[in-house]
Protein backbone atom coordinates (compact mmCIF):
# COMPACT_ATOMS: atom_id res chain seq x y z
CA UNK A 1 -92.58 47.98 -49.02
CA UNK A 2 -89.02 47.98 -48.63
CA UNK A 3 -86.92 46.79 -45.82
CA UNK A 4 -86.57 50.27 -44.42
CA UNK A 5 -90.32 50.63 -44.41
CA UNK A 6 -90.62 47.26 -42.34
CA UNK A 7 -88.22 48.76 -39.88
CA UNK A 8 -90.06 51.88 -39.69
CA UNK A 9 -93.17 50.03 -38.97
CA UNK A 10 -91.89 47.92 -36.15
CA UNK A 11 -92.40 44.70 -37.91
CA UNK A 12 -88.73 44.13 -38.55
CA UNK A 13 -86.25 45.07 -35.82
CA UNK A 14 -82.55 45.58 -35.73
CA UNK A 15 -80.95 42.88 -33.48
CA UNK A 16 -77.41 41.54 -33.63
CA UNK A 17 -76.79 37.90 -34.21
CA UNK A 18 -74.07 35.43 -33.34
CA UNK A 19 -72.26 32.46 -34.55
CA UNK A 20 -74.17 30.07 -32.50
CA UNK A 21 -77.41 31.20 -33.41
CA UNK A 22 -76.69 31.01 -37.09
CA UNK A 23 -75.30 27.48 -36.62
CA UNK A 24 -78.37 26.31 -34.93
CA UNK A 25 -80.52 27.86 -37.70
CA UNK A 26 -78.39 26.03 -40.24
CA UNK A 27 -78.63 22.78 -38.24
CA UNK A 28 -82.52 23.10 -38.28
CA UNK A 29 -82.69 23.61 -41.86
CA UNK A 30 -80.58 20.72 -42.53
CA UNK A 31 -82.64 18.53 -40.19
CA UNK A 32 -85.90 19.64 -42.01
CA UNK A 33 -84.50 18.72 -45.25
CA UNK A 34 -83.81 15.04 -43.81
CA UNK A 35 -86.94 14.83 -42.00
CA UNK A 36 -88.87 16.04 -45.27
CA UNK A 37 -87.63 12.71 -46.89
CA UNK A 38 -88.57 10.36 -44.04
CA UNK A 39 -90.74 7.50 -45.16
CA UNK A 40 -94.30 7.03 -43.59
CA UNK A 41 -95.21 10.78 -43.59
CA UNK A 42 -97.98 12.26 -45.68
CA UNK A 43 -96.96 14.33 -48.58
CA UNK A 44 -98.41 17.29 -46.78
CA UNK A 45 -96.28 16.78 -43.81
CA UNK A 46 -93.32 16.28 -46.12
CA UNK A 47 -94.15 19.56 -47.85
CA UNK A 48 -94.71 21.39 -44.69
CA UNK A 49 -91.24 20.23 -43.22
CA UNK A 50 -89.43 21.20 -46.42
CA UNK A 51 -91.02 24.44 -46.25
CA UNK A 52 -89.80 24.97 -42.73
CA UNK A 53 -86.38 24.41 -43.87
CA UNK A 54 -86.70 27.25 -46.57
CA UNK A 55 -88.01 29.48 -43.86
CA UNK A 56 -85.16 28.59 -41.62
CA UNK A 57 -82.50 29.63 -44.23
CA UNK A 58 -84.27 32.81 -45.06
CA UNK A 59 -84.16 33.58 -41.00
CA UNK A 60 -80.47 32.66 -41.41
CA UNK A 61 -80.01 35.61 -43.98
CA UNK A 62 -82.21 37.89 -41.74
CA UNK A 63 -80.26 37.36 -38.71
CA UNK A 64 -76.87 37.40 -40.23
CA UNK A 65 -77.46 40.92 -41.45
CA UNK A 66 -78.73 41.95 -37.97
CA UNK A 67 -82.50 41.81 -38.65
CA UNK A 68 -85.35 39.88 -36.99
CA UNK A 69 -89.06 39.90 -37.28
CA UNK A 70 -90.87 41.31 -34.28
CA UNK A 71 -91.85 38.33 -32.07
CA UNK A 72 -95.64 37.18 -32.42
CA UNK A 73 -96.09 39.35 -35.54
CA UNK A 74 -98.56 38.15 -37.76
CA UNK A 75 -97.22 37.56 -41.23
CA UNK A 76 -93.44 36.91 -39.98
CA UNK A 77 -93.21 33.99 -42.54
CA UNK A 78 -94.35 36.26 -45.25
CA UNK A 79 -92.01 39.12 -44.24
CA UNK A 80 -88.82 36.72 -44.09
CA UNK A 81 -89.37 35.83 -47.73
CA UNK A 82 -90.60 39.20 -48.79
CA UNK A 83 -87.24 40.94 -47.61
CA UNK A 84 -85.00 38.11 -48.77
CA UNK A 85 -84.30 39.78 -52.24
CA UNK A 86 -83.00 43.04 -50.60
CA UNK A 87 -80.89 41.07 -48.05
CA UNK A 88 -79.33 38.42 -50.29
CA UNK A 89 -79.77 40.06 -53.65
CA UNK A 90 -82.24 40.13 -56.60
CA UNK A 91 -80.83 36.72 -57.57
CA UNK A 92 -83.38 35.06 -55.13
CA UNK A 93 -86.46 37.13 -56.08
CA UNK A 94 -87.89 34.20 -58.07
CA UNK A 95 -87.11 31.82 -55.27
CA UNK A 96 -88.68 34.04 -52.64
CA UNK A 97 -91.85 34.35 -54.74
CA UNK A 98 -91.91 30.48 -55.02
CA UNK A 99 -91.54 30.14 -51.19
CA UNK A 100 -94.50 32.47 -50.70
CA UNK A 101 -96.66 30.32 -52.67
CA UNK A 102 -95.22 27.29 -50.69
CA UNK A 103 -96.12 29.26 -47.66
CA UNK A 104 -99.81 29.40 -48.66
CA UNK A 105 -99.87 25.67 -49.66
CA UNK A 106 -98.24 24.82 -46.27
CA UNK A 107 -100.80 26.77 -44.33
CA UNK A 108 -103.77 25.16 -46.14
CA UNK A 109 -102.11 21.69 -45.67
CA UNK A 110 -101.55 22.41 -41.98
CA UNK A 111 -104.74 24.16 -40.88
CA UNK A 112 -107.42 23.62 -43.56
CA UNK A 113 -107.34 20.38 -45.47
CA UNK A 114 -105.56 17.21 -46.37
CA UNK A 115 -104.23 16.06 -49.67
CA UNK A 116 -102.93 19.50 -50.61
CA UNK A 117 -99.42 18.56 -51.72
CA UNK A 118 -98.44 16.19 -54.49
CA UNK A 119 -95.32 13.77 -54.61
CA UNK A 120 -93.88 16.18 -57.53
CA UNK A 121 -94.38 19.34 -55.43
CA UNK A 122 -92.50 17.77 -52.45
CA UNK A 123 -89.72 16.62 -54.72
CA UNK A 124 -89.45 20.08 -56.38
CA UNK A 125 -89.51 21.86 -52.93
CA UNK A 126 -86.94 19.64 -51.29
CA UNK A 127 -84.60 20.14 -54.28
CA UNK A 128 -85.08 23.84 -54.37
CA UNK A 129 -84.53 24.15 -50.48
CA UNK A 130 -81.37 22.02 -50.83
CA UNK A 131 -80.17 24.38 -53.65
CA UNK A 132 -81.09 27.54 -51.45
CA UNK A 133 -79.08 26.02 -48.71
CA UNK A 134 -75.92 26.20 -50.90
CA UNK A 135 -76.78 29.66 -52.02
CA UNK A 136 -77.27 30.56 -48.45
CA UNK A 137 -73.98 29.00 -47.34
CA UNK A 138 -72.06 30.75 -50.32
CA UNK A 139 -73.63 34.09 -49.42
CA UNK A 140 -72.59 33.64 -45.69
CA UNK A 141 -69.13 32.88 -46.74
CA UNK A 142 -68.90 36.04 -49.06
CA UNK A 143 -70.86 38.54 -46.92
CA UNK A 144 -70.60 37.10 -43.39
CA UNK A 145 -67.78 34.82 -43.04
CA UNK A 146 -67.78 35.18 -39.32
CA UNK A 147 -70.90 33.03 -39.43
CA UNK A 148 -70.06 30.61 -42.18
CA UNK A 149 -69.53 26.89 -41.25
CA UNK A 150 -66.01 25.97 -41.29
CA UNK A 151 -66.62 22.34 -42.15
């Protein structure tokens, strides 16, 4: 399905955003990246927290474009990554697919079993989310400078 199809289905809604909301979401992503590196956490929790940072960044793009997922909709994480290439551009298509696989692993680690994530997977995800953060910030500066951080 395409973005227009998700709008027509009601799973994606048009809702304007504001600078404060985008700033808060970027702060959440930054916090999640820092928390994912905290010592004493299991690899599964580190992975889940890093994934949450990626999800927050995808939501930054959605919100900056004036979209939001329907509150309480099943699959809102999936949808945020599914529409990401249409919003940010095809350059993030591979990354969006990667985050979909991380979404499944995070679900498994959070709700089904322990020992799902490896140290290498955590490192890879954290590094990718850090790169994604820079990409989202550059995208904001180019497409939505009204929301881009000034510092």
